[in-house]
Amino acid sequence: MENIAKKIEVGANVAIIVLALLLGTLLVRRYLLPQTPNPGPVANARIRPGAKLSVPGADWTRNERTLLMVLSTTCHFCTDSAPFYQRLARGHGATHLVAVMPQPIGEAQIYLSEHGISVDEIRQADPEAIGVRGTPTLILLDGTSSVLETWDGKLPPEKESEILARL
């Protein structure tokens, strides 16, 4: 009887260790390593200036210029860039500022509020569906929904200054 109890205890300990290793690996991949989605054929092509961009339910033609901020609540680069996005919100002038996020709008509002990022509008859309391969991505559109410029990833200070000057 003692022998069986020892075998069960050893088996349970091994199972716990294996489960802990699997869970640890999953957490490290999800939260510590950069998120690189498997790009589809549309997402492989970077959005180029002059291209027309469409987000379901959005009409960018009402504004002379629109800056799309394609973000995600699970993107640590988005979170790291929050101070820059706060500056963008304060200095965007007449440019319409829109956050496009894959999460539900309520969840996106909470995320933006927690990080002090103020936008004119929030849209829920899958970044890949609009041709964006990763977050964060900034896309400047003109009044005809044509792409003027794109910036992706966590930007160096000189690029941040360039964007602020452009707006």
C-alpha atoms as a PDB file:
ATOM      1  CA  MET A   1       0.000   0.000   0.000  1.00  0.00           C
ATOM      2  CA  GLU A   2       2.839   2.334   0.880  1.00  0.00           C
ATOM      3  CA  ASN A   3       4.502   1.565  -2.462  1.00  0.00           C
ATOM      4  CA  ILE A   4       1.375   2.493  -4.439  1.00  0.00           C
ATOM      5  CA  ALA A   5       0.956   5.757  -2.500  1.00  0.00           C
ATOM      6  CA  LYS A   6       4.583   6.686  -3.273  1.00  0.00           C
ATOM      7  CA  LYS A   7       4.081   5.967  -7.004  1.00  0.00           C
ATOM      8  CA  ILE A   8       0.931   8.106  -7.063  1.00  0.00           C
ATOM      9  CA  GLU A   9       2.746  10.924  -5.275  1.00  0.00           C
ATOM     10  CA  VAL A  10       5.702  10.786  -7.695  1.00  0.00           C
ATOM     11  CA  GLY A  11       3.334  10.666 -10.700  1.00  0.00           C
ATOM     12  CA  ALA A  12       1.378  13.648  -9.405  1.00  0.00           C
ATOM     13  CA  ASN A  13       4.588  15.623  -8.803  1.00  0.00           C
ATOM     14  CA  VAL A  14       5.835  14.889 -12.338  1.00  0.00           C
ATOM     15  CA  ALA A  15       2.458  15.934 -13.793  1.00  0.00           C
ATOM     16  CA  ILE A  16       2.549  19.202 -11.813  1.00  0.00           C
ATOM     17  CA  ILE A  17       6.092  19.967 -13.004  1.00  0.00           C
ATOM     18  CA  VAL A  18       5.199  19.269 -16.661  1.00  0.00           C
ATOM     19  CA  LEU A  19       2.064  21.418 -16.403  1.00  0.00           C
ATOM     20  CA  ALA A  20       4.016  24.256 -14.766  1.00  0.00           C
ATOM     21  CA  LEU A  21       6.631  24.152 -17.549  1.00  0.00           C
ATOM     22  CA  LEU A  22       3.967  24.234 -20.264  1.00  0.00           C
ATOM     23  CA  LEU A  23       2.101  27.078 -18.603  1.00  0.00           C
ATOM     24  CA  GLY A  24       5.337  29.024 -18.037  1.00  0.00           C
ATOM     25  CA  THR A  25       6.300  28.627 -21.697  1.00  0.00           C
ATOM     26  CA  LEU A  26       2.873  29.825 -22.811  1.00  0.00           C
ATOM     27  CA  LEU A  27       3.049  32.895 -20.560  1.00  0.00           C
ATOM     28  CA  VAL A  28       6.565  33.803 -21.705  1.00  0.00           C
ATOM     29  CA  ARG A  29       5.566  33.516 -25.376  1.00  0.00           C
ATOM     30  CA  ARG A  30       2.407  35.557 -24.883  1.00  0.00           C
ATOM     31  CA  TYR A  31       3.686  38.393 -22.695  1.00  0.00           C
ATOM     32  CA  LEU A  32       7.468  38.636 -23.024  1.00  0.00           C
ATOM     33  CA  LEU A  33       8.210  37.817 -26.653  1.00  0.00           C
ATOM     34  CA  PRO A  34       7.154  40.180 -29.465  1.00  0.00           C
ATOM     35  CA  GLN A  35       3.820  39.329 -31.050  1.00  0.00           C
ATOM     36  CA  THR A  36       4.440  38.372 -34.662  1.00  0.00           C
ATOM     37  CA  PRO A  37       1.250  37.134 -36.261  1.00  0.00           C
ATOM     38  CA  ASN A  38       1.446  34.755 -39.170  1.00  0.00           C
ATOM     39  CA  PRO A  39       0.976  37.208 -42.041  1.00  0.00           C
ATOM     40  CA  GLY A  40      -1.532  36.306 -44.715  1.00  0.00           C
ATOM     41  CA  PRO A  41      -1.207  37.379 -48.335  1.00  0.00           C
ATOM     42  CA  VAL A  42      -2.839  40.762 -47.667  1.00  0.00           C
ATOM     43  CA  ALA A  43      -0.827  41.471 -44.529  1.00  0.00           C
ATOM     44  CA  ASN A  44       2.477  40.727 -46.237  1.00  0.00           C
ATOM     45  CA  ALA A  45       2.108  43.746 -48.459  1.00  0.00           C
ATOM     46  CA  ARG A  46       2.863  46.882 -46.470  1.00  0.00           C
ATOM     47  CA  ILE A  47       0.322  49.624 -46.887  1.00  0.00           C
ATOM     48  CA  ARG A  48       1.862  52.046 -49.325  1.00  0.00           C
ATOM     49  CA  PRO A  49       1.211  55.759 -49.826  1.00  0.00           C
ATOM     50  CA  GLY A  50      -1.565  56.299 -52.358  1.00  0.00           C
ATOM     51  CA  ALA A  51      -3.428  53.106 -51.427  1.00  0.00           C
ATOM     52  CA  LYS A  52      -7.089  53.440 -50.446  1.00  0.00           C
ATOM     53  CA  LEU A  53      -7.872  52.183 -46.955  1.00  0.00           C
ATOM     54  CA  SER A  54     -11.227  50.970 -45.760  1.00  0.00           C
ATOM     55  CA  VAL A  55     -12.329  50.114 -42.227  1.00  0.00           C
ATOM     56  CA  PRO A  56     -15.830  48.645 -41.937  1.00  0.00           C
ATOM     57  CA  GLY A  57     -18.374  51.311 -40.972  1.00  0.00           C
ATOM     58  CA  ALA A  58     -15.913  54.211 -41.184  1.00  0.00           C
ATOM     59  CA  ASP A  59     -16.105  57.242 -43.465  1.00  0.00           C
ATOM     60  CA  TRP A  60     -12.794  59.087 -43.455  1.00  0.00           C
ATOM     61  CA  THR A  61     -13.881  61.473 -46.209  1.00  0.00           C
ATOM     62  CA  ARG A  62     -15.600  63.749 -43.624  1.00  0.00           C
ATOM     63  CA  ASN A  63     -12.161  64.883 -42.437  1.00  0.00           C
ATOM     64  CA  GLU A  64      -9.338  66.530 -44.309  1.00  0.00           C
ATOM     65  CA  ARG A  65      -6.809  64.231 -42.585  1.00  0.00           C
ATOM     66  CA  THR A  66      -7.171  61.210 -40.337  1.00  0.00           C
ATOM     67  CA  LEU A  67      -4.498  59.459 -38.305  1.00  0.00           C
ATOM     68  CA  LEU A  68      -5.306  55.817 -37.616  1.00  0.00           C
ATOM     69  CA  MET A  69      -3.601  54.339 -34.585  1.00  0.00           C
ATOM     70  CA  VAL A  70      -3.765  50.557 -35.016  1.00  0.00           C
ATOM     71  CA  LEU A  71      -3.199  49.238 -31.500  1.00  0.00           C
ATOM     72  CA  SER A  72      -3.916  46.187 -29.373  1.00  0.00           C
ATOM     73  CA  THR A  73      -4.368  45.754 -25.633  1.00  0.00           C
ATOM     74  CA  THR A  74      -2.009  42.748 -25.782  1.00  0.00           C
ATOM     75  CA  CYS A  75       0.804  44.621 -27.550  1.00  0.00           C
ATOM     76  CA  HIS A  76       3.563  45.677 -25.158  1.00  0.00           C
ATOM     77  CA  PHE A  77       5.018  48.004 -27.812  1.00  0.00           C
ATOM     78  CA  CYS A  78       1.656  49.845 -27.846  1.00  0.00           C
ATOM     79  CA  THR A  79       1.778  50.192 -24.072  1.00  0.00           C
ATOM     80  CA  ASP A  80       5.427  51.296 -24.182  1.00  0.00           C
ATOM     81  CA  SER A  81       4.473  53.969 -26.757  1.00  0.00           C
ATOM     82  CA  ALA A  82       1.621  55.407 -24.630  1.00  0.00           C
ATOM     83  CA  PRO A  83       3.528  58.626 -23.694  1.00  0.00           C
ATOM     84  CA  PHE A  84       3.986  59.389 -27.416  1.00  0.00           C
ATOM     85  CA  TYR A  85       0.297  58.700 -28.102  1.00  0.00           C
ATOM     86  CA  GLN A  86      -0.594  61.089 -25.269  1.00  0.00           C
ATOM     87  CA  ARG A  87       1.486  63.781 -26.998  1.00  0.00           C
ATOM     88  CA  LEU A  88      -0.214  62.940 -30.301  1.00  0.00           C
ATOM     89  CA  ALA A  89      -3.622  63.385 -28.689  1.00  0.00           C
ATOM     90  CA  ARG A  90      -2.626  66.831 -27.386  1.00  0.00           C
ATOM     91  CA  GLY A  91      -0.999  68.045 -30.619  1.00  0.00           C
ATOM     92  CA  HIS A  92      -2.965  66.523 -33.487  1.00  0.00           C
ATOM     93  CA  GLY A  93      -4.502  69.851 -34.551  1.00  0.00           C
ATOM     94  CA  ALA A  94      -7.253  69.411 -37.153  1.00  0.00           C
ATOM     95  CA  THR A  95      -6.260  65.810 -37.842  1.00  0.00           C
ATOM     96  CA  HIS A  96      -8.991  63.333 -36.871  1.00  0.00           C
ATOM     97  CA  LEU A  97      -7.457  60.793 -34.454  1.00  0.00           C
ATOM     98  CA  VAL A  98      -8.899  57.255 -34.618  1.00  0.00           C
ATOM     99  CA  ALA A  99      -7.880  54.155 -32.660  1.00  0.00           C
ATOM    100  CA  VAL A 100      -8.427  50.900 -34.548  1.00  0.00           C
ATOM    101  CA  MET A 101      -8.216  47.853 -32.283  1.00  0.00           C
ATOM    102  CA  PRO A 102      -9.125  44.161 -32.564  1.00  0.00           C
ATOM    103  CA  GLN A 103     -10.666  44.155 -29.074  1.00  0.00           C
ATOM    104  CA  PRO A 104     -14.301  45.148 -28.390  1.00  0.00           C
ATOM    105  CA  ILE A 105     -14.800  48.913 -28.177  1.00  0.00           C
ATOM    106  CA  GLY A 106     -15.536  48.816 -24.430  1.00  0.00           C
ATOM    107  CA  GLU A 107     -12.275  47.013 -23.729  1.00  0.00           C
ATOM    108  CA  ALA A 108     -10.423  49.406 -26.060  1.00  0.00           C
ATOM    109  CA  GLN A 109     -11.898  52.435 -24.244  1.00  0.00           C
ATOM    110  CA  ILE A 110     -10.710  51.101 -20.893  1.00  0.00           C
ATOM    111  CA  TYR A 111      -7.206  50.425 -22.263  1.00  0.00           C
ATOM    112  CA  LEU A 112      -6.907  53.892 -23.824  1.00  0.00           C
ATOM    113  CA  SER A 113      -8.266  55.568 -20.693  1.00  0.00           C
ATOM    114  CA  GLU A 114      -5.872  53.667 -18.403  1.00  0.00           C
ATOM    115  CA  HIS A 115      -2.955  54.876 -20.532  1.00  0.00           C
ATOM    116  CA  GLY A 116      -4.184  58.480 -20.848  1.00  0.00           C
ATOM    117  CA  ILE A 117      -4.675  58.273 -24.621  1.00  0.00           C
ATOM    118  CA  SER A 118      -7.497  60.464 -25.911  1.00  0.00           C
ATOM    119  CA  VAL A 119      -8.856  59.851 -29.419  1.00  0.00           C
ATOM    120  CA  ASP A 120     -11.756  61.233 -31.457  1.00  0.00           C
ATOM    121  CA  GLU A 121     -13.090  57.806 -32.377  1.00  0.00           C
ATOM    122  CA  ILE A 122     -12.553  54.096 -31.679  1.00  0.00           C
ATOM    123  CA  ARG A 123     -13.168  51.387 -34.280  1.00  0.00           C
ATOM    124  CA  GLN A 124     -13.039  47.627 -33.808  1.00  0.00           C
ATOM    125  CA  ALA A 125     -11.365  45.847 -36.722  1.00  0.00           C
ATOM    126  CA  ASP A 126      -8.906  43.036 -37.260  1.00  0.00           C
ATOM    127  CA  PRO A 127      -5.617  44.700 -38.275  1.00  0.00           C
ATOM    128  CA  GLU A 128      -4.960  42.018 -40.895  1.00  0.00           C
ATOM    129  CA  ALA A 129      -8.338  42.721 -42.505  1.00  0.00           C
ATOM    130  CA  ILE A 130      -7.202  46.261 -43.312  1.00  0.00           C
ATOM    131  CA  GLY A 131      -3.725  45.190 -44.415  1.00  0.00           C
ATOM    132  CA  VAL A 132      -1.810  45.947 -41.213  1.00  0.00           C
ATOM    133  CA  ARG A 133       0.728  43.279 -40.316  1.00  0.00           C
ATOM    134  CA  GLY A 134       1.414  44.233 -36.708  1.00  0.00           C
ATOM    135  CA  THR A 135       0.805  46.689 -33.927  1.00  0.00           C
ATOM    136  CA  PRO A 136       1.418  49.473 -33.274  1.00  0.00           C
ATOM    137  CA  THR A 137       0.952  51.013 -36.716  1.00  0.00           C
ATOM    138  CA  LEU A 138       0.123  54.630 -37.500  1.00  0.00           C
ATOM    139  CA  ILE A 139      -1.503  55.472 -40.839  1.00  0.00           C
ATOM    140  CA  LEU A 140      -2.075  59.026 -42.045  1.00  0.00           C
ATOM    141  CA  LEU A 141      -4.997  59.342 -44.499  1.00  0.00           C
ATOM    142  CA  ASP A 142      -6.162  62.282 -46.577  1.00  0.00           C
ATOM    143  CA  GLY A 143      -9.795  63.292 -47.150  1.00  0.00           C
ATOM    144  CA  THR A 144     -10.212  60.701 -49.915  1.00  0.00           C
ATOM    145  CA  SER A 145      -9.121  57.763 -47.693  1.00  0.00           C
ATOM    146  CA  SER A 146      -5.774  57.588 -49.485  1.00  0.00           C
ATOM    147  CA  VAL A 147      -2.736  56.660 -47.426  1.00  0.00           C
ATOM    148  CA  LEU A 148      -0.258  59.521 -47.118  1.00  0.00           C
ATOM    149  CA  GLU A 149       2.252  57.799 -44.812  1.00  0.00           C
ATOM    150  CA  THR A 150       2.622  54.836 -42.464  1.00  0.00           C
ATOM    151  CA  TRP A 151       4.796  54.202 -39.435  1.00  0.00           C
ATOM    152  CA  ASP A 152       4.995  50.892 -37.595  1.00  0.00           C
ATOM    153  CA  GLY A 153       6.487  49.549 -34.403  1.00  0.00           C
ATOM    154  CA  LYS A 154       7.810  51.422 -31.398  1.00  0.00           C
ATOM    155  CA  LEU A 155       9.211  54.571 -32.936  1.00  0.00           C
ATOM    156  CA  PRO A 156      12.507  56.252 -32.083  1.00  0.00           C
ATOM    157  CA  PRO A 157      12.264  59.837 -30.747  1.00  0.00           C
ATOM    158  CA  GLU A 158      13.217  61.413 -34.103  1.00  0.00           C
ATOM    159  CA  LYS A 159      10.321  59.620 -35.876  1.00  0.00           C
ATOM    160  CA  GLU A 160       7.943  60.685 -33.102  1.00  0.00           C
ATOM    161  CA  SER A 161       9.035  64.313 -33.633  1.00  0.00           C
ATOM    162  CA  GLU A 162       8.581  63.924 -37.392  1.00  0.00           C
ATOM    163  CA  ILE A 163       4.992  62.729 -36.918  1.00  0.00           C
ATOM    164  CA  LEU A 164       4.136  65.492 -34.449  1.00  0.00           C
ATOM    165  CA  ALA A 165       5.534  68.095 -36.874  1.00  0.00           C
ATOM    166  CA  ARG A 166       3.566  66.583 -39.762  1.00  0.00           C
ATOM    167  CA  LEU A 167       0.298  66.889 -37.852  1.00  0.00           C
END
